[in-house]
Amino acid sequence: MSHRITEADCIACGQCQAVCPVDCISEQDDGKRVIAEDDCIDCGACASICPVDCIEQV
């Protein structure tokens, strides 16, 4: 399993990227973040820190 950021709800705060232990979250041109789902280890660190709860498990 992995996690996904719901782009419509992301506020581009970057907190998720800072806590990812495998560095699989990157910034898009609009400042929002995206998770490389193939590299995600499903630790949940990003989901637990997201202030708008826009990260879901897939």
PDB file of N, CA and C in Angstrom:
ATOM      1  N   MET A   1       0.840  -1.186   0.000  1.00  0.00           N
ATOM      2  CA  MET A   1       0.000   0.000   0.000  1.00  0.00           C
ATOM      3  C   MET A   1       0.878   1.240   0.000  1.00  0.00           C
ATOM      4  N   SER A   2       0.249   2.338  -0.299  1.00  0.00           N
ATOM      5  CA  SER A   2       0.955   3.612  -0.288  1.00  0.00           C
ATOM      6  C   SER A   2      -0.036   4.718   0.054  1.00  0.00           C
ATOM      7  N   HIS A   3       0.446   5.929   0.016  1.00  0.00           N
ATOM      8  CA  HIS A   3      -0.401   7.083   0.288  1.00  0.00           C
ATOM      9  C   HIS A   3      -0.475   7.974  -0.942  1.00  0.00           C
ATOM     10  N   ARG A   4      -1.514   8.794  -0.987  1.00  0.00           N
ATOM     11  CA  ARG A   4      -1.731   9.729  -2.089  1.00  0.00           C
ATOM     12  C   ARG A   4      -2.214  11.053  -1.508  1.00  0.00           C
ATOM     13  N   ILE A   5      -1.767  12.144  -2.098  1.00  0.00           N
ATOM     14  CA  ILE A   5      -2.209  13.477  -1.694  1.00  0.00           C
ATOM     15  C   ILE A   5      -3.355  13.880  -2.607  1.00  0.00           C
ATOM     16  N   THR A   6      -4.474  14.259  -2.011  1.00  0.00           N
ATOM     17  CA  THR A   6      -5.599  14.735  -2.816  1.00  0.00           C
ATOM     18  C   THR A   6      -5.290  16.176  -3.194  1.00  0.00           C
ATOM     19  N   GLU A   7      -4.944  16.359  -4.439  1.00  0.00           N
ATOM     20  CA  GLU A   7      -4.423  17.639  -4.920  1.00  0.00           C
ATOM     21  C   GLU A   7      -5.356  18.816  -4.666  1.00  0.00           C
ATOM     22  N   ALA A   8      -6.646  18.600  -4.763  1.00  0.00           N
ATOM     23  CA  ALA A   8      -7.597  19.694  -4.589  1.00  0.00           C
ATOM     24  C   ALA A   8      -7.551  20.263  -3.172  1.00  0.00           C
ATOM     25  N   ASP A   9      -7.210  19.429  -2.200  1.00  0.00           N
ATOM     26  CA  ASP A   9      -7.216  19.868  -0.810  1.00  0.00           C
ATOM     27  C   ASP A   9      -5.854  20.326  -0.296  1.00  0.00           C
ATOM     28  N   CYS A  10      -4.776  20.007  -1.003  1.00  0.00           N
ATOM     29  CA  CYS A  10      -3.425  20.351  -0.562  1.00  0.00           C
ATOM     30  C   CYS A  10      -3.249  21.866  -0.508  1.00  0.00           C
ATOM     31  N   ILE A  11      -2.681  22.361   0.589  1.00  0.00           N
ATOM     32  CA  ILE A  11      -2.455  23.799   0.752  1.00  0.00           C
ATOM     33  C   ILE A  11      -0.988  24.181   0.530  1.00  0.00           C
ATOM     34  N   ALA A  12      -0.183  23.253   0.049  1.00  0.00           N
ATOM     35  CA  ALA A  12       1.219  23.487  -0.313  1.00  0.00           C
ATOM     36  C   ALA A  12       2.078  23.928   0.867  1.00  0.00           C
ATOM     37  N   CYS A  13       1.823  23.362   2.035  1.00  0.00           N
ATOM     38  CA  CYS A  13       2.586  23.757   3.220  1.00  0.00           C
ATOM     39  C   CYS A  13       3.958  23.081   3.291  1.00  0.00           C
ATOM     40  N   GLY A  14       4.094  21.900   2.673  1.00  0.00           N
ATOM     41  CA  GLY A  14       5.363  21.203   2.642  1.00  0.00           C
ATOM     42  C   GLY A  14       5.708  20.382   3.862  1.00  0.00           C
ATOM     43  N   GLN A  15       4.831  20.336   4.839  1.00  0.00           N
ATOM     44  CA  GLN A  15       5.121  19.578   6.059  1.00  0.00           C
ATOM     45  C   GLN A  15       5.297  18.096   5.778  1.00  0.00           C
ATOM     46  N   CYS A  16       4.517  17.552   4.860  1.00  0.00           N
ATOM     47  CA  CYS A  16       4.608  16.124   4.537  1.00  0.00           C
ATOM     48  C   CYS A  16       5.969  15.784   3.940  1.00  0.00           C
ATOM     49  N   GLN A  17       6.452  16.631   3.075  1.00  0.00           N
ATOM     50  CA  GLN A  17       7.730  16.389   2.418  1.00  0.00           C
ATOM     51  C   GLN A  17       8.873  16.360   3.431  1.00  0.00           C
ATOM     52  N   ALA A  18       8.783  17.204   4.416  1.00  0.00           N
ATOM     53  CA  ALA A  18       9.841  17.305   5.426  1.00  0.00           C
ATOM     54  C   ALA A  18       9.947  16.055   6.301  1.00  0.00           C
ATOM     55  N   VAL A  19       8.843  15.317   6.483  1.00  0.00           N
ATOM     56  CA  VAL A  19       8.877  14.158   7.382  1.00  0.00           C
ATOM     57  C   VAL A  19       9.007  12.819   6.666  1.00  0.00           C
ATOM     58  N   CYS A  20       8.991  12.802   5.357  1.00  0.00           N
ATOM     59  CA  CYS A  20       9.047  11.534   4.616  1.00  0.00           C
ATOM     60  C   CYS A  20      10.432  10.888   4.765  1.00  0.00           C
ATOM     61  N   PRO A  21      10.486   9.685   5.352  1.00  0.00           N
ATOM     62  CA  PRO A  21      11.783   9.049   5.578  1.00  0.00           C
ATOM     63  C   PRO A  21      12.451   8.492   4.322  1.00  0.00           C
ATOM     64  N   VAL A  22      11.696   8.341   3.241  1.00  0.00           N
ATOM     65  CA  VAL A  22      12.279   7.809   2.001  1.00  0.00           C
ATOM     66  C   VAL A  22      12.295   8.845   0.877  1.00  0.00           C
ATOM     67  N   ASP A  23      11.980  10.084   1.200  1.00  0.00           N
ATOM     68  CA  ASP A  23      12.058  11.202   0.257  1.00  0.00           C
ATOM     69  C   ASP A  23      11.273  10.939  -1.034  1.00  0.00           C
ATOM     70  N   CYS A  24      10.045  10.429  -0.886  1.00  0.00           N
ATOM     71  CA  CYS A  24       9.237  10.133  -2.071  1.00  0.00           C
ATOM     72  C   CYS A  24       8.175  11.196  -2.344  1.00  0.00           C
ATOM     73  N   ILE A  25       8.246  12.312  -1.632  1.00  0.00           N
ATOM     74  CA  ILE A  25       7.304  13.405  -1.847  1.00  0.00           C
ATOM     75  C   ILE A  25       8.053  14.552  -2.507  1.00  0.00           C
ATOM     76  N   SER A  26       7.505  15.043  -3.606  1.00  0.00           N
ATOM     77  CA  SER A  26       8.161  16.136  -4.318  1.00  0.00           C
ATOM     78  C   SER A  26       7.190  17.283  -4.554  1.00  0.00           C
ATOM     79  N   GLU A  27       7.762  18.449  -4.817  1.00  0.00           N
ATOM     80  CA  GLU A  27       6.972  19.649  -5.045  1.00  0.00           C
ATOM     81  C   GLU A  27       6.683  19.795  -6.532  1.00  0.00           C
ATOM     82  N   GLN A  28       5.444  20.128  -6.852  1.00  0.00           N
ATOM     83  CA  GLN A  28       5.036  20.390  -8.232  1.00  0.00           C
ATOM     84  C   GLN A  28       5.243  21.868  -8.545  1.00  0.00           C
ATOM     85  N   ASP A  29       5.013  22.255  -9.773  1.00  0.00           N
ATOM     86  CA  ASP A  29       5.187  23.653 -10.186  1.00  0.00           C
ATOM     87  C   ASP A  29       4.288  24.613  -9.419  1.00  0.00           C
ATOM     88  N   ASP A  30       3.110  24.138  -8.992  1.00  0.00           N
ATOM     89  CA  ASP A  30       2.165  24.997  -8.280  1.00  0.00           C
ATOM     90  C   ASP A  30       2.416  25.028  -6.765  1.00  0.00           C
ATOM     91  N   GLY A  31       3.483  24.334  -6.315  1.00  0.00           N
ATOM     92  CA  GLY A  31       3.820  24.322  -4.893  1.00  0.00           C
ATOM     93  C   GLY A  31       3.196  23.178  -4.121  1.00  0.00           C
ATOM     94  N   LYS A  32       2.205  22.532  -4.702  1.00  0.00           N
ATOM     95  CA  LYS A  32       1.579  21.394  -4.047  1.00  0.00           C
ATOM     96  C   LYS A  32       2.513  20.197  -4.134  1.00  0.00           C
ATOM     97  N   ARG A  33       2.269  19.209  -3.293  1.00  0.00           N
ATOM     98  CA  ARG A  33       3.142  18.044  -3.241  1.00  0.00           C
ATOM     99  C   ARG A  33       2.484  16.826  -3.873  1.00  0.00           C
ATOM    100  N   VAL A  34       3.318  15.905  -4.328  1.00  0.00           N
ATOM    101  CA  VAL A  34       2.856  14.652  -4.913  1.00  0.00           C
ATOM    102  C   VAL A  34       3.738  13.534  -4.359  1.00  0.00           C
ATOM    103  N   ILE A  35       3.120  12.371  -4.109  1.00  0.00           N
ATOM    104  CA  ILE A  35       3.832  11.217  -3.575  1.00  0.00           C
ATOM    105  C   ILE A  35       4.111  10.233  -4.705  1.00  0.00           C
ATOM    106  N   ALA A  36       5.360   9.790  -4.817  1.00  0.00           N
ATOM    107  CA  ALA A  36       5.712   8.727  -5.765  1.00  0.00           C
ATOM    108  C   ALA A  36       5.237   7.423  -5.120  1.00  0.00           C
ATOM    109  N   GLU A  37       4.054   6.983  -5.495  1.00  0.00           N
ATOM    110  CA  GLU A  37       3.408   5.857  -4.822  1.00  0.00           C
ATOM    111  C   GLU A  37       4.231   4.567  -4.877  1.00  0.00           C
ATOM    112  N   ASP A  38       5.014   4.380  -5.912  1.00  0.00           N
ATOM    113  CA  ASP A  38       5.843   3.174  -6.014  1.00  0.00           C
ATOM    114  C   ASP A  38       6.979   3.172  -4.993  1.00  0.00           C
ATOM    115  N   ASP A  39       7.380   4.348  -4.533  1.00  0.00           N
ATOM    116  CA  ASP A  39       8.480   4.460  -3.569  1.00  0.00           C
ATOM    117  C   ASP A  39       7.997   4.583  -2.124  1.00  0.00           C
ATOM    118  N   CYS A  40       6.716   4.864  -1.939  1.00  0.00           N
ATOM    119  CA  CYS A  40       6.138   5.037  -0.603  1.00  0.00           C
ATOM    120  C   CYS A  40       6.205   3.726   0.183  1.00  0.00           C
ATOM    121  N   ILE A  41       6.637   3.807   1.441  1.00  0.00           N
ATOM    122  CA  ILE A  41       6.727   2.607   2.289  1.00  0.00           C
ATOM    123  C   ILE A  41       5.543   2.500   3.252  1.00  0.00           C
ATOM    124  N   ASP A  42       4.545   3.339   3.089  1.00  0.00           N
ATOM    125  CA  ASP A  42       3.310   3.277   3.863  1.00  0.00           C
ATOM    126  C   ASP A  42       3.538   3.470   5.361  1.00  0.00           C
ATOM    127  N   CYS A  43       4.444   4.377   5.724  1.00  0.00           N
ATOM    128  CA  CYS A  43       4.722   4.600   7.144  1.00  0.00           C
ATOM    129  C   CYS A  43       3.669   5.494   7.802  1.00  0.00           C
ATOM    130  N   GLY A  44       3.020   6.359   6.999  1.00  0.00           N
ATOM    131  CA  GLY A  44       1.973   7.220   7.525  1.00  0.00           C
ATOM    132  C   GLY A  44       2.451   8.513   8.150  1.00  0.00           C
ATOM    133  N   ALA A  45       3.744   8.779   8.124  1.00  0.00           N
ATOM    134  CA  ALA A  45       4.264  10.015   8.723  1.00  0.00           C
ATOM    135  C   ALA A  45       3.650  11.247   8.067  1.00  0.00           C
ATOM    136  N   CYS A  46       3.511  11.217   6.769  1.00  0.00           N
ATOM    137  CA  CYS A  46       2.955  12.357   6.044  1.00  0.00           C
ATOM    138  C   CYS A  46       1.494  12.610   6.423  1.00  0.00           C
ATOM    139  N   ALA A  47       0.723  11.531   6.483  1.00  0.00           N
ATOM    140  CA  ALA A  47      -0.701  11.650   6.806  1.00  0.00           C
ATOM    141  C   ALA A  47      -0.914  12.174   8.221  1.00  0.00           C
ATOM    142  N   SER A  48      -0.045  11.762   9.126  1.00  0.00           N
ATOM    143  CA  SER A  48      -0.229  12.178  10.516  1.00  0.00           C
ATOM    144  C   SER A  48       0.113  13.642  10.746  1.00  0.00           C
ATOM    145  N   ILE A  49       0.923  14.250   9.880  1.00  0.00           N
ATOM    146  CA  ILE A  49       1.325  15.641  10.085  1.00  0.00           C
ATOM    147  C   ILE A  49       0.526  16.627   9.223  1.00  0.00           C
ATOM    148  N   CYS A  50      -0.201  16.138   8.236  1.00  0.00           N
ATOM    149  CA  CYS A  50      -0.927  17.020   7.310  1.00  0.00           C
ATOM    150  C   CYS A  50      -2.001  17.837   8.052  1.00  0.00           C
ATOM    151  N   PRO A  51      -1.912  19.165   7.987  1.00  0.00           N
ATOM    152  CA  PRO A  51      -2.873  20.003   8.723  1.00  0.00           C
ATOM    153  C   PRO A  51      -4.280  20.034   8.120  1.00  0.00           C
ATOM    154  N   VAL A  52      -4.430  19.593   6.876  1.00  0.00           N
ATOM    155  CA  VAL A  52      -5.760  19.595   6.244  1.00  0.00           C
ATOM    156  C   VAL A  52      -6.243  18.193   5.905  1.00  0.00           C
ATOM    157  N   ASP A  53      -5.561  17.175   6.414  1.00  0.00           N
ATOM    158  CA  ASP A  53      -5.954  15.773   6.207  1.00  0.00           C
ATOM    159  C   ASP A  53      -6.218  15.431   4.742  1.00  0.00           C
ATOM    160  N   CYS A  54      -5.299  15.826   3.871  1.00  0.00           N
ATOM    161  CA  CYS A  54      -5.511  15.561   2.438  1.00  0.00           C
ATOM    162  C   CYS A  54      -4.693  14.388   1.927  1.00  0.00           C
ATOM    163  N   ILE A  55      -4.130  13.584   2.840  1.00  0.00           N
ATOM    164  CA  ILE A  55      -3.347  12.422   2.428  1.00  0.00           C
ATOM    165  C   ILE A  55      -4.116  11.166   2.804  1.00  0.00           C
ATOM    166  N   GLU A  56      -4.343  10.328   1.791  1.00  0.00           N
ATOM    167  CA  GLU A  56      -5.125   9.126   1.997  1.00  0.00           C
ATOM    168  C   GLU A  56      -4.324   7.887   1.636  1.00  0.00           C
ATOM    169  N   GLN A  57      -4.662   6.787   2.259  1.00  0.00           N
ATOM    170  CA  GLN A  57      -4.019   5.511   1.972  1.00  0.00           C
ATOM    171  C   GLN A  57      -4.706   4.887   0.750  1.00  0.00           C
ATOM    172  N   VAL A  58      -3.903   4.358  -0.158  1.00  0.00           N
ATOM    173  CA  VAL A  58      -4.467   3.713  -1.363  1.00  0.00           C
ATOM    174  C   VAL A  58      -4.028   2.273  -1.450  1.00  0.00           C
TER     175      VAL A  58
END
